[in-house]
Amino acid sequence: MNRRLVVVGLGAIDVLGSVLALVVLTRARTPIGPPQGTASTGSAVIVAAGDIADCTSMGDEQTAALLREIPGTVIALGDNAYERGSLRDYRSCYQPSWGSQKSRTKPAPGNHDYESKNAAPYFSYFGTEAGPPGKGYYAYDLAGWRIYSLNSNCSSIGTCGEGSPEYKWLVADLRLNPRECVAAYWHHPRFSSGSHGNYARMQPIWKGLYNAGAELVLVGHDHDYERFAPLDATGNPDAGHGIREFVVGTGGKSHYRFGKSILATSQVRNDDTFGVLRVTLHPDAYDWQFIPVAGANFTDAGTTPCHAPPVSSSQSGLAAPS
C-alpha cells in the first residue's frame, strides 16, 4: 500500500489508498468554535467522553464546562459515576456536572456501572435513554447516520458472541436499516495501547460492524485519548473500508499512562489531558476535534469520508441471525 504524507503548516494531509484525511495536530490552545465540528445544514454534532464523574476529582466539572459550550447530542461512554455506579454516585457526583446535560445524553454502561447489581442505578437514572434494562443496547438515527449504543459488559449480559442476543439484534438492525454512514460506541476498547489493552470479547461486534461498512467506534475504559487508523475486521490497516476507533476515557476521573507497548495502528495518543471529542456527522463524512479543558493544550482534529462495506464480506457478515 502506497502512503504519501504532505506537511502543510501545522497540519498534514495523509493519503491512505482511496481515503483522504486531513489531520491537524498542534500544541496550541484550540478554541471551541469554527471550523472543526461546526454543524451545517443536514449535519449533527455529538460530543463524547467516558470515565467521568468522581466526587474526589474536579475533572468532570471541567469537562462539563465544555459540554455547556457545545450543542448537540452528549454521549457518556461508560463508567459515568464512580466508584460503584450507585444511585448516590449518580446523584452526588455525576448530576452536578454532566448531569446538567442529561436531557440530551445518550449513554452506554461501563464496568463500574455494573458494580451495582445489574447496573440498576444506571438504568434508573437515565431511564428510557439507556435502552431496555438488562440489555443496555439501542440504536437511533442522527443526520442520516445510524448510531448504535452497545453494551460491552459481556459477562454481565451473558456474552457478546455471535450467538448472543446483542449480536443478533445488531446484525438484524444493520440489515433492516442500511445507511451510508454508521457509527457505534461502547465502553471497553476493542483495540488499545493503554493499560487495559485490547478487549477481545467485542470482536464479533467489531466484525459485524466492519462487514456492514461502519465508519467509527467511540470507547472509553482506558483513561487516555487514542486515535487509530481505519482498521479491518481483525485489526489490520484498511484505508478503504476500515473502522476508525477513538478511545476517549478523558471525561474527568483520572489519567492512565501509556506504557512501552504501543500498537502499530495507533496514530495519536495523549495521557495527561481531560477533554471531550466533538464529532460532526455530515451526510457523507465526519469531522472530529478533541477539545481539551481550560488551560490544557493538546488537541487532535481531522475529517474522513464515509465508505461502502467491503465487497468480500458485505454479505457474509450480515447473514440473517439464526
C-alpha atoms as a PDB file:
ATOM      1  CA  MET A   1       0.000   0.000   0.000  1.00  0.00           C
ATOM      2  CA  ASN A   2       1.389   3.383  -1.008  1.00  0.00           C
ATOM      3  CA  ARG A   3       1.368   6.077   1.607  1.00  0.00           C
ATOM      4  CA  ARG A   4       2.040   9.738   0.995  1.00  0.00           C
ATOM      5  CA  LEU A   5       2.366  12.411   3.697  1.00  0.00           C
ATOM      6  CA  VAL A   6       2.359  16.050   2.707  1.00  0.00           C
ATOM      7  CA  VAL A   7       3.000  18.530   5.531  1.00  0.00           C
ATOM      8  CA  VAL A   8       1.117  21.801   5.268  1.00  0.00           C
ATOM      9  CA  GLY A   9       1.975  24.298   8.017  1.00  0.00           C
ATOM     10  CA  LEU A  10       0.805  22.809  11.319  1.00  0.00           C
ATOM     11  CA  GLY A  11      -1.258  20.146   9.567  1.00  0.00           C
ATOM     12  CA  ALA A  12      -0.776  17.150   7.383  1.00  0.00           C
ATOM     13  CA  ILE A  13      -2.611  15.521   4.513  1.00  0.00           C
ATOM     14  CA  ASP A  14      -2.487  11.778   4.960  1.00  0.00           C
ATOM     15  CA  VAL A  15      -3.434   9.739   1.902  1.00  0.00           C
ATOM     16  CA  LEU A  16      -4.029   6.031   2.512  1.00  0.00           C
ATOM     17  CA  GLY A  17      -5.342   4.243  -0.544  1.00  0.00           C
ATOM     18  CA  SER A  18      -8.541   5.956  -1.620  1.00  0.00           C
ATOM     19  CA  VAL A  19      -9.204   7.737   1.657  1.00  0.00           C
ATOM     20  CA  LEU A  20      -8.158  11.364   2.083  1.00  0.00           C
ATOM     21  CA  ALA A  21      -7.916  12.553   5.682  1.00  0.00           C
ATOM     22  CA  LEU A  22      -6.936  15.993   6.826  1.00  0.00           C
ATOM     23  CA  VAL A  23      -5.261  15.686  10.209  1.00  0.00           C
ATOM     24  CA  VAL A  24      -4.298  18.644  12.349  1.00  0.00           C
ATOM     25  CA  LEU A  25      -2.019  18.207  15.355  1.00  0.00           C
ATOM     26  CA  THR A  26      -0.994  21.224  17.380  1.00  0.00           C
ATOM     27  CA  ARG A  27       0.075  22.032  20.893  1.00  0.00           C
ATOM     28  CA  ALA A  28      -1.612  25.423  20.798  1.00  0.00           C
ATOM     29  CA  ARG A  29      -4.930  26.021  22.545  1.00  0.00           C
ATOM     30  CA  THR A  30      -7.766  25.243  20.111  1.00  0.00           C
ATOM     31  CA  PRO A  31     -10.850  27.418  20.578  1.00  0.00           C
ATOM     32  CA  ILE A  32     -14.277  25.841  20.741  1.00  0.00           C
ATOM     33  CA  GLY A  33     -15.719  27.108  17.513  1.00  0.00           C
ATOM     34  CA  PRO A  34     -15.479  27.048  13.733  1.00  0.00           C
ATOM     35  CA  PRO A  35     -14.324  25.493  11.552  1.00  0.00           C
ATOM     36  CA  GLN A  36     -13.937  21.983  13.019  1.00  0.00           C
ATOM     37  CA  GLY A  37     -17.143  20.401  14.343  1.00  0.00           C
ATOM     38  CA  THR A  38     -19.461  23.180  13.213  1.00  0.00           C
ATOM     39  CA  ALA A  39     -22.713  21.602  12.073  1.00  0.00           C
ATOM     40  CA  SER A  40     -24.046  22.777   8.740  1.00  0.00           C
ATOM     41  CA  THR A  41     -27.480  22.120   7.272  1.00  0.00           C
ATOM     42  CA  GLY A  42     -28.084  18.369   7.273  1.00  0.00           C
ATOM     43  CA  SER A  43     -25.311  17.729   9.823  1.00  0.00           C
ATOM     44  CA  ALA A  44     -25.344  16.994  13.552  1.00  0.00           C
ATOM     45  CA  VAL A  45     -22.854  17.157  16.418  1.00  0.00           C
ATOM     46  CA  ILE A  46     -22.111  14.500  19.018  1.00  0.00           C
ATOM     47  CA  VAL A  47     -19.751  15.159  21.917  1.00  0.00           C
ATOM     48  CA  ALA A  48     -18.325  12.213  23.837  1.00  0.00           C
ATOM     49  CA  ALA A  49     -16.119  11.025  26.672  1.00  0.00           C
ATOM     50  CA  GLY A  50     -16.136   8.254  29.227  1.00  0.00           C
ATOM     51  CA  ASP A  51     -14.745   7.576  32.711  1.00  0.00           C
ATOM     52  CA  ILE A  52     -16.325  10.703  34.033  1.00  0.00           C
ATOM     53  CA  ALA A  53     -17.566  11.665  37.473  1.00  0.00           C
ATOM     54  CA  ASP A  54     -15.864  11.120  40.823  1.00  0.00           C
ATOM     55  CA  CYS A  55     -16.701  13.201  43.862  1.00  0.00           C
ATOM     56  CA  THR A  56     -12.974  13.351  44.703  1.00  0.00           C
ATOM     57  CA  SER A  57     -11.985  14.818  41.316  1.00  0.00           C
ATOM     58  CA  MET A  58     -12.713  18.154  39.652  1.00  0.00           C
ATOM     59  CA  GLY A  59     -12.043  16.771  36.173  1.00  0.00           C
ATOM     60  CA  ASP A  60     -15.699  16.095  35.416  1.00  0.00           C
ATOM     61  CA  GLU A  61     -16.644  19.673  36.309  1.00  0.00           C
ATOM     62  CA  GLN A  62     -14.014  20.859  33.833  1.00  0.00           C
ATOM     63  CA  THR A  63     -15.286  18.655  31.011  1.00  0.00           C
ATOM     64  CA  ALA A  64     -18.900  19.523  31.864  1.00  0.00           C
ATOM     65  CA  ALA A  65     -17.974  23.179  31.292  1.00  0.00           C
ATOM     66  CA  LEU A  66     -17.020  22.196  27.736  1.00  0.00           C
ATOM     67  CA  LEU A  67     -20.368  20.498  27.205  1.00  0.00           C
ATOM     68  CA  ARG A  68     -22.180  23.693  28.068  1.00  0.00           C
ATOM     69  CA  GLU A  69     -20.440  25.411  25.136  1.00  0.00           C
ATOM     70  CA  ILE A  70     -21.111  22.688  22.562  1.00  0.00           C
ATOM     71  CA  PRO A  71     -24.574  21.986  21.147  1.00  0.00           C
ATOM     72  CA  GLY A  72     -25.631  18.522  20.048  1.00  0.00           C
ATOM     73  CA  THR A  73     -26.005  15.027  21.477  1.00  0.00           C
ATOM     74  CA  VAL A  74     -23.909  14.152  24.531  1.00  0.00           C
ATOM     75  CA  ILE A  75     -22.526  10.609  24.661  1.00  0.00           C
ATOM     76  CA  ALA A  76     -21.385   9.202  28.019  1.00  0.00           C
ATOM     77  CA  LEU A  77     -19.106   6.263  27.220  1.00  0.00           C
ATOM     78  CA  GLY A  78     -19.495   4.353  30.484  1.00  0.00           C
ATOM     79  CA  ASP A  79     -18.026   4.424  33.993  1.00  0.00           C
ATOM     80  CA  ASN A  80     -20.058   7.570  34.282  1.00  0.00           C
ATOM     81  CA  ALA A  81     -20.300   7.710  38.107  1.00  0.00           C
ATOM     82  CA  TYR A  82     -17.574   6.330  40.359  1.00  0.00           C
ATOM     83  CA  GLU A  83     -16.929   4.201  42.225  1.00  0.00           C
ATOM     84  CA  ARG A  84     -19.845   1.798  42.015  1.00  0.00           C
ATOM     85  CA  GLY A  85     -22.346   3.451  39.712  1.00  0.00           C
ATOM     86  CA  SER A  86     -24.761   3.631  42.634  1.00  0.00           C
ATOM     87  CA  LEU A  87     -27.729   5.975  42.648  1.00  0.00           C
ATOM     88  CA  ARG A  88     -25.857   8.026  45.237  1.00  0.00           C
ATOM     89  CA  ASP A  89     -22.833   8.202  42.904  1.00  0.00           C
ATOM     90  CA  TYR A  90     -25.054   9.424  40.087  1.00  0.00           C
ATOM     91  CA  ARG A  91     -26.898  11.956  42.223  1.00  0.00           C
ATOM     92  CA  SER A  92     -23.912  13.280  44.174  1.00  0.00           C
ATOM     93  CA  CYS A  93     -21.083  13.048  41.625  1.00  0.00           C
ATOM     94  CA  TYR A  94     -22.499  12.859  38.084  1.00  0.00           C
ATOM     95  CA  GLN A  95     -25.595  15.037  38.427  1.00  0.00           C
ATOM     96  CA  PRO A  96     -23.771  18.265  39.451  1.00  0.00           C
ATOM     97  CA  SER A  97     -21.501  18.080  36.391  1.00  0.00           C
ATOM     98  CA  TRP A  98     -22.509  16.034  33.343  1.00  0.00           C
ATOM     99  CA  GLY A  99     -25.984  15.545  34.782  1.00  0.00           C
ATOM    100  CA  SER A 100     -26.778  19.109  33.790  1.00  0.00           C
ATOM    101  CA  GLN A 101     -26.825  17.804  30.200  1.00  0.00           C
ATOM    102  CA  LYS A 102     -28.885  14.689  30.961  1.00  0.00           C
ATOM    103  CA  SER A 103     -31.796  15.681  28.724  1.00  0.00           C
ATOM    104  CA  ARG A 104     -29.568  15.415  25.622  1.00  0.00           C
ATOM    105  CA  THR A 105     -27.410  12.462  26.720  1.00  0.00           C
ATOM    106  CA  LYS A 106     -27.325   9.042  25.031  1.00  0.00           C
ATOM    107  CA  PRO A 107     -25.290   6.842  27.417  1.00  0.00           C
ATOM    108  CA  ALA A 108     -23.525   3.494  27.359  1.00  0.00           C
ATOM    109  CA  PRO A 109     -22.778   1.464  30.518  1.00  0.00           C
ATOM    110  CA  GLY A 110     -19.297   0.729  31.859  1.00  0.00           C
ATOM    111  CA  ASN A 111     -17.932  -1.909  34.182  1.00  0.00           C
ATOM    112  CA  HIS A 112     -18.191   0.416  37.197  1.00  0.00           C
ATOM    113  CA  ASP A 113     -21.888   0.792  36.461  1.00  0.00           C
ATOM    114  CA  TYR A 114     -22.154  -2.955  36.963  1.00  0.00           C
ATOM    115  CA  GLU A 115     -20.502  -2.657  40.395  1.00  0.00           C
ATOM    116  CA  SER A 116     -24.127  -2.095  41.390  1.00  0.00           C
ATOM    117  CA  LYS A 117     -26.287  -5.166  40.787  1.00  0.00           C
ATOM    118  CA  ASN A 118     -27.387  -5.409  37.162  1.00  0.00           C
ATOM    119  CA  ALA A 119     -26.399  -1.744  36.740  1.00  0.00           C
ATOM    120  CA  ALA A 120     -29.853  -0.949  38.097  1.00  0.00           C
ATOM    121  CA  PRO A 121     -28.968   2.621  39.208  1.00  0.00           C
ATOM    122  CA  TYR A 122     -27.615   3.379  35.724  1.00  0.00           C
ATOM    123  CA  PHE A 123     -30.871   2.290  34.096  1.00  0.00           C
ATOM    124  CA  SER A 124     -32.916   4.090  36.739  1.00  0.00           C
ATOM    125  CA  TYR A 125     -31.011   7.356  36.381  1.00  0.00           C
ATOM    126  CA  PHE A 126     -31.048   7.548  32.579  1.00  0.00           C
ATOM    127  CA  GLY A 127     -34.440   5.912  32.128  1.00  0.00           C
ATOM    128  CA  THR A 128     -35.524   5.043  28.586  1.00  0.00           C
ATOM    129  CA  GLU A 129     -32.439   6.762  27.137  1.00  0.00           C
ATOM    130  CA  ALA A 130     -30.319   3.867  28.463  1.00  0.00           C
ATOM    131  CA  GLY A 131     -32.129   1.235  26.444  1.00  0.00           C
ATOM    132  CA  PRO A 132     -34.046  -1.707  27.858  1.00  0.00           C
ATOM    133  CA  PRO A 133     -32.939  -2.728  31.385  1.00  0.00           C
ATOM    134  CA  GLY A 134     -30.992  -5.956  31.270  1.00  0.00           C
ATOM    135  CA  LYS A 135     -29.836  -5.186  27.735  1.00  0.00           C
ATOM    136  CA  GLY A 136     -28.342  -1.694  27.607  1.00  0.00           C
ATOM    137  CA  TYR A 137     -28.053  -1.510  23.825  1.00  0.00           C
ATOM    138  CA  TYR A 138     -30.139   0.502  21.390  1.00  0.00           C
ATOM    139  CA  ALA A 139     -29.980   2.428  18.109  1.00  0.00           C
ATOM    140  CA  TYR A 140     -31.093   5.790  16.792  1.00  0.00           C
ATOM    141  CA  ASP A 141     -30.810   7.969  13.697  1.00  0.00           C
ATOM    142  CA  LEU A 142     -28.957  11.262  13.559  1.00  0.00           C
ATOM    143  CA  ALA A 143     -28.326  13.393  10.445  1.00  0.00           C
ATOM    144  CA  GLY A 144     -28.857  10.343   8.233  1.00  0.00           C
ATOM    145  CA  TRP A 145     -26.426   8.219  10.277  1.00  0.00           C
ATOM    146  CA  ARG A 146     -27.388   5.022  12.081  1.00  0.00           C
ATOM    147  CA  ILE A 147     -25.913   5.201  15.599  1.00  0.00           C
ATOM    148  CA  TYR A 148     -25.528   2.201  17.926  1.00  0.00           C
ATOM    149  CA  SER A 149     -25.023   2.388  21.683  1.00  0.00           C
ATOM    150  CA  LEU A 150     -23.813  -1.071  22.668  1.00  0.00           C
ATOM    151  CA  ASN A 151     -23.118  -2.915  25.908  1.00  0.00           C
ATOM    152  CA  SER A 152     -19.561  -4.269  26.204  1.00  0.00           C
ATOM    153  CA  ASN A 153     -20.069  -5.696  29.692  1.00  0.00           C
ATOM    154  CA  CYS A 154     -20.312  -9.084  28.089  1.00  0.00           C
ATOM    155  CA  SER A 155     -20.171 -11.271  31.188  1.00  0.00           C
ATOM    156  CA  SER A 156     -22.933  -9.212  32.789  1.00  0.00           C
ATOM    157  CA  ILE A 157     -25.333  -9.711  29.878  1.00  0.00           C
ATOM    158  CA  GLY A 158     -24.285 -13.294  29.103  1.00  0.00           C
ATOM    159  CA  THR A 159     -21.988 -12.915  26.114  1.00  0.00           C
ATOM    160  CA  CYS A 160     -21.222 -10.657  23.153  1.00  0.00           C
ATOM    161  CA  GLY A 161     -20.534 -13.578  20.816  1.00  0.00           C
ATOM    162  CA  GLU A 162     -22.184 -14.348  17.505  1.00  0.00           C
ATOM    163  CA  GLY A 163     -24.936 -16.306  19.230  1.00  0.00           C
ATOM    164  CA  SER A 164     -25.709 -13.574  21.761  1.00  0.00           C
ATOM    165  CA  PRO A 165     -28.937 -11.561  21.763  1.00  0.00           C
ATOM    166  CA  GLU A 166     -26.946  -8.332  21.360  1.00  0.00           C
ATOM    167  CA  TYR A 167     -25.064  -9.561  18.283  1.00  0.00           C
ATOM    168  CA  LYS A 168     -28.209 -10.963  16.664  1.00  0.00           C
ATOM    169  CA  TRP A 169     -30.069  -7.722  17.317  1.00  0.00           C
ATOM    170  CA  LEU A 170     -27.208  -5.636  15.893  1.00  0.00           C
ATOM    171  CA  VAL A 171     -26.858  -7.681  12.719  1.00  0.00           C
ATOM    172  CA  ALA A 172     -30.624  -7.677  12.179  1.00  0.00           C
ATOM    173  CA  ASP A 173     -30.822  -3.914  12.670  1.00  0.00           C
ATOM    174  CA  LEU A 174     -27.927  -3.296  10.276  1.00  0.00           C
ATOM    175  CA  ARG A 175     -29.802  -5.279   7.634  1.00  0.00           C
ATOM    176  CA  LEU A 176     -33.116  -3.555   8.253  1.00  0.00           C
ATOM    177  CA  ASN A 177     -31.664  -0.043   8.467  1.00  0.00           C
ATOM    178  CA  PRO A 178     -28.906   0.275   5.860  1.00  0.00           C
ATOM    179  CA  ARG A 179     -27.169   3.651   5.913  1.00  0.00           C
ATOM    180  CA  GLU A 180     -24.293   5.209   4.017  1.00  0.00           C
ATOM    181  CA  CYS A 181     -22.748   6.200   7.358  1.00  0.00           C
ATOM    182  CA  VAL A 182     -22.740   4.116  10.570  1.00  0.00           C
ATOM    183  CA  ALA A 183     -21.196   4.755  13.999  1.00  0.00           C
ATOM    184  CA  ALA A 184     -21.175   2.828  17.256  1.00  0.00           C
ATOM    185  CA  TYR A 185     -19.990   3.323  20.810  1.00  0.00           C
ATOM    186  CA  TRP A 186     -19.499   1.284  23.967  1.00  0.00           C
ATOM    187  CA  HIS A 187     -17.161   1.209  26.957  1.00  0.00           C
ATOM    188  CA  HIS A 188     -14.327  -1.329  26.526  1.00  0.00           C
ATOM    189  CA  PRO A 189     -11.940  -0.649  23.595  1.00  0.00           C
ATOM    190  CA  ARG A 190     -11.578  -3.402  21.048  1.00  0.00           C
ATOM    191  CA  PHE A 191      -8.060  -2.059  20.467  1.00  0.00           C
ATOM    192  CA  SER A 192      -5.989  -0.017  22.900  1.00  0.00           C
ATOM    193  CA  SER A 193      -2.363   0.778  23.698  1.00  0.00           C
ATOM    194  CA  GLY A 194      -3.450   1.746  27.212  1.00  0.00           C
ATOM    195  CA  SER A 195      -3.119  -0.212  30.426  1.00  0.00           C
ATOM    196  CA  HIS A 196      -6.283  -2.283  29.877  1.00  0.00           C
ATOM    197  CA  GLY A 197      -5.276  -3.225  26.326  1.00  0.00           C
ATOM    198  CA  ASN A 198      -7.398  -4.958  23.692  1.00  0.00           C
ATOM    199  CA  TYR A 199     -10.829  -6.282  24.641  1.00  0.00           C
ATOM    200  CA  ALA A 200     -11.298  -9.390  22.529  1.00  0.00           C
ATOM    201  CA  ARG A 201     -14.846 -10.104  23.721  1.00  0.00           C
ATOM    202  CA  MET A 202     -16.131  -7.386  21.394  1.00  0.00           C
ATOM    203  CA  GLN A 203     -14.517  -8.962  18.330  1.00  0.00           C
ATOM    204  CA  PRO A 204     -17.784 -10.398  16.901  1.00  0.00           C
ATOM    205  CA  ILE A 205     -19.456  -6.998  17.294  1.00  0.00           C
ATOM    206  CA  TRP A 206     -16.484  -5.242  15.663  1.00  0.00           C
ATOM    207  CA  LYS A 207     -16.514  -7.702  12.771  1.00  0.00           C
ATOM    208  CA  GLY A 208     -20.245  -7.293  12.245  1.00  0.00           C
ATOM    209  CA  LEU A 209     -19.871  -3.517  12.118  1.00  0.00           C
ATOM    210  CA  TYR A 210     -16.904  -3.741   9.744  1.00  0.00           C
ATOM    211  CA  ASN A 211     -18.789  -6.021   7.376  1.00  0.00           C
ATOM    212  CA  ALA A 212     -21.643  -3.505   7.374  1.00  0.00           C
ATOM    213  CA  GLY A 213     -19.288  -0.665   6.404  1.00  0.00           C
ATOM    214  CA  ALA A 214     -19.275   1.207   9.725  1.00  0.00           C
ATOM    215  CA  GLU A 215     -17.167   4.350   9.888  1.00  0.00           C
ATOM    216  CA  LEU A 216     -16.202   4.894  13.510  1.00  0.00           C
ATOM    217  CA  VAL A 217     -16.355   3.493  17.038  1.00  0.00           C
ATOM    218  CA  LEU A 218     -16.045   5.519  20.246  1.00  0.00           C
ATOM    219  CA  VAL A 219     -14.959   3.844  23.502  1.00  0.00           C
ATOM    220  CA  GLY A 220     -13.507   4.607  26.937  1.00  0.00           C
ATOM    221  CA  HIS A 221     -12.223   2.402  29.793  1.00  0.00           C
ATOM    222  CA  ASP A 222      -8.553   3.361  29.412  1.00  0.00           C
ATOM    223  CA  HIS A 223      -8.242   6.831  30.927  1.00  0.00           C
ATOM    224  CA  ASP A 224      -6.481   8.387  27.973  1.00  0.00           C
ATOM    225  CA  TYR A 225      -7.041   9.564  24.413  1.00  0.00           C
ATOM    226  CA  GLU A 226      -6.018   7.438  21.447  1.00  0.00           C
ATOM    227  CA  ARG A 227      -6.923   7.619  17.762  1.00  0.00           C
ATOM    228  CA  PHE A 228      -6.393   4.650  15.465  1.00  0.00           C
ATOM    229  CA  ALA A 229      -6.022   4.307  11.725  1.00  0.00           C
ATOM    230  CA  PRO A 230      -9.034   2.737   9.971  1.00  0.00           C
ATOM    231  CA  LEU A 231      -8.912  -0.997  10.769  1.00  0.00           C
ATOM    232  CA  ASP A 232     -10.409  -4.111   9.220  1.00  0.00           C
ATOM    233  CA  ALA A 233     -12.244  -6.942  10.958  1.00  0.00           C
ATOM    234  CA  THR A 234      -9.018  -8.298  12.503  1.00  0.00           C
ATOM    235  CA  GLY A 235      -7.358  -5.003  13.401  1.00  0.00           C
ATOM    236  CA  ASN A 236      -5.170  -4.571  10.335  1.00  0.00           C
ATOM    237  CA  PRO A 237      -4.988  -1.239   8.468  1.00  0.00           C
ATOM    238  CA  ASP A 238      -7.714  -0.815   5.859  1.00  0.00           C
ATOM    239  CA  ALA A 239      -7.799   2.692   4.441  1.00  0.00           C
ATOM    240  CA  GLY A 240     -10.653   1.959   2.064  1.00  0.00           C
ATOM    241  CA  HIS A 241     -13.173   0.205   4.321  1.00  0.00           C
ATOM    242  CA  GLY A 242     -11.834   0.259   7.877  1.00  0.00           C
ATOM    243  CA  ILE A 243     -13.377   1.450  11.130  1.00  0.00           C
ATOM    244  CA  ARG A 244     -11.608   4.273  12.932  1.00  0.00           C
ATOM    245  CA  GLU A 245     -11.633   3.796  16.716  1.00  0.00           C
ATOM    246  CA  PHE A 246     -11.276   6.616  19.237  1.00  0.00           C
ATOM    247  CA  VAL A 247     -10.513   5.846  22.887  1.00  0.00           C
ATOM    248  CA  VAL A 248     -11.874   8.822  24.848  1.00  0.00           C
ATOM    249  CA  GLY A 249     -11.522   7.921  28.523  1.00  0.00           C
ATOM    250  CA  THR A 250     -10.894  11.571  29.267  1.00  0.00           C
ATOM    251  CA  GLY A 251     -14.128  12.572  30.993  1.00  0.00           C
ATOM    252  CA  GLY A 252     -12.518  13.606  34.281  1.00  0.00           C
ATOM    253  CA  LYS A 253     -11.914  10.664  36.626  1.00  0.00           C
ATOM    254  CA  SER A 254      -8.129  10.257  36.301  1.00  0.00           C
ATOM    255  CA  HIS A 255      -5.295   9.588  33.849  1.00  0.00           C
ATOM    256  CA  TYR A 256      -3.652   6.281  32.900  1.00  0.00           C
ATOM    257  CA  ARG A 257      -0.141   6.488  31.470  1.00  0.00           C
ATOM    258  CA  PHE A 258       0.789   4.703  28.255  1.00  0.00           C
ATOM    259  CA  GLY A 259       3.477   2.049  28.553  1.00  0.00           C
ATOM    260  CA  LYS A 260       6.052   0.949  26.016  1.00  0.00           C
ATOM    261  CA  SER A 261       3.764  -1.397  24.060  1.00  0.00           C
ATOM    262  CA  ILE A 262       2.131   0.910  21.548  1.00  0.00           C
ATOM    263  CA  LEU A 263       0.016  -0.699  18.828  1.00  0.00           C
ATOM    264  CA  ALA A 264       1.376  -0.108  15.329  1.00  0.00           C
ATOM    265  CA  THR A 265      -2.004   1.184  14.157  1.00  0.00           C
ATOM    266  CA  SER A 266      -2.173   3.873  16.848  1.00  0.00           C
ATOM    267  CA  GLN A 267      -1.872   7.314  15.241  1.00  0.00           C
ATOM    268  CA  VAL A 268      -2.297   9.836  18.077  1.00  0.00           C
ATOM    269  CA  ARG A 269      -2.136   9.471  21.864  1.00  0.00           C
ATOM    270  CA  ASN A 270      -2.345  11.623  24.965  1.00  0.00           C
ATOM    271  CA  ASP A 271      -2.419  10.572  28.620  1.00  0.00           C
ATOM    272  CA  ASP A 272      -2.429  13.810  30.599  1.00  0.00           C
ATOM    273  CA  THR A 273      -5.395  15.844  29.320  1.00  0.00           C
ATOM    274  CA  PHE A 274      -9.068  15.816  30.228  1.00  0.00           C
ATOM    275  CA  GLY A 275     -11.418  16.775  27.422  1.00  0.00           C
ATOM    276  CA  VAL A 276     -14.191  15.712  25.078  1.00  0.00           C
ATOM    277  CA  LEU A 277     -14.331  14.529  21.474  1.00  0.00           C
ATOM    278  CA  ARG A 278     -16.644  16.527  19.251  1.00  0.00           C
ATOM    279  CA  VAL A 279     -17.710  14.708  16.092  1.00  0.00           C
ATOM    280  CA  THR A 280     -19.714  16.417  13.378  1.00  0.00           C
ATOM    281  CA  LEU A 281     -21.757  13.971  11.342  1.00  0.00           C
ATOM    282  CA  HIS A 282     -22.273  15.040   7.737  1.00  0.00           C
ATOM    283  CA  PRO A 283     -24.381  13.087   5.226  1.00  0.00           C
ATOM    284  CA  ASP A 284     -21.247  11.592   3.660  1.00  0.00           C
ATOM    285  CA  ALA A 285     -18.381  12.249   6.098  1.00  0.00           C
ATOM    286  CA  TYR A 286     -17.430  13.109   9.677  1.00  0.00           C
ATOM    287  CA  ASP A 287     -15.161  15.690  11.298  1.00  0.00           C
ATOM    288  CA  TRP A 288     -13.555  15.173  14.688  1.00  0.00           C
ATOM    289  CA  GLN A 289     -11.931  17.514  17.171  1.00  0.00           C
ATOM    290  CA  PHE A 290     -10.596  16.685  20.623  1.00  0.00           C
ATOM    291  CA  ILE A 291     -11.309  19.698  22.811  1.00  0.00           C
ATOM    292  CA  PRO A 292      -9.183  19.981  25.978  1.00  0.00           C
ATOM    293  CA  VAL A 293     -10.332  21.521  29.236  1.00  0.00           C
ATOM    294  CA  ALA A 294      -9.406  25.109  30.001  1.00  0.00           C
ATOM    295  CA  GLY A 295      -5.677  25.552  30.474  1.00  0.00           C
ATOM    296  CA  ALA A 296      -4.694  22.398  28.554  1.00  0.00           C
ATOM    297  CA  ASN A 297      -3.072  22.440  25.129  1.00  0.00           C
ATOM    298  CA  PHE A 298      -3.409  19.032  23.464  1.00  0.00           C
ATOM    299  CA  THR A 299      -5.826  18.697  20.579  1.00  0.00           C
ATOM    300  CA  ASP A 300      -6.418  16.457  17.567  1.00  0.00           C
ATOM    301  CA  ALA A 301      -8.673  17.123  14.591  1.00  0.00           C
ATOM    302  CA  GLY A 302      -9.471  15.855  11.121  1.00  0.00           C
ATOM    303  CA  THR A 303     -12.097  14.671   8.659  1.00  0.00           C
ATOM    304  CA  THR A 304     -12.817  11.376   6.901  1.00  0.00           C
ATOM    305  CA  PRO A 305     -15.455  10.429   4.294  1.00  0.00           C
ATOM    306  CA  CYS A 306     -17.935   7.611   4.764  1.00  0.00           C
ATOM    307  CA  HIS A 307     -17.332   4.442   2.758  1.00  0.00           C
ATOM    308  CA  ALA A 308     -19.106   1.416   1.400  1.00  0.00           C
ATOM    309  CA  PRO A 309     -18.898  -2.045   3.014  1.00  0.00           C
ATOM    310  CA  PRO A 310     -16.014  -4.280   1.896  1.00  0.00           C
ATOM    311  CA  VAL A 311     -17.146  -6.209  -1.161  1.00  0.00           C
ATOM    312  CA  SER A 312     -15.694  -9.513   0.029  1.00  0.00           C
ATOM    313  CA  SER A 313     -17.687  -9.509   3.272  1.00  0.00           C
ATOM    314  CA  SER A 314     -20.729  -7.382   2.571  1.00  0.00           C
ATOM    315  CA  GLN A 315     -22.940 -10.441   2.573  1.00  0.00           C
ATOM    316  CA  SER A 316     -21.215 -12.917   4.892  1.00  0.00           C
ATOM    317  CA  GLY A 317     -21.010 -10.572   7.879  1.00  0.00           C
ATOM    318  CA  LEU A 318     -24.665  -9.615   7.621  1.00  0.00           C
ATOM    319  CA  ALA A 319     -26.189 -13.038   7.337  1.00  0.00           C
ATOM    320  CA  ALA A 320     -29.607 -13.260   8.905  1.00  0.00           C
ATOM    321  CA  PRO A 321     -29.271 -14.307  12.564  1.00  0.00           C
ATOM    322  CA  SER A 322     -30.445 -17.781  13.423  1.00  0.00           C
END
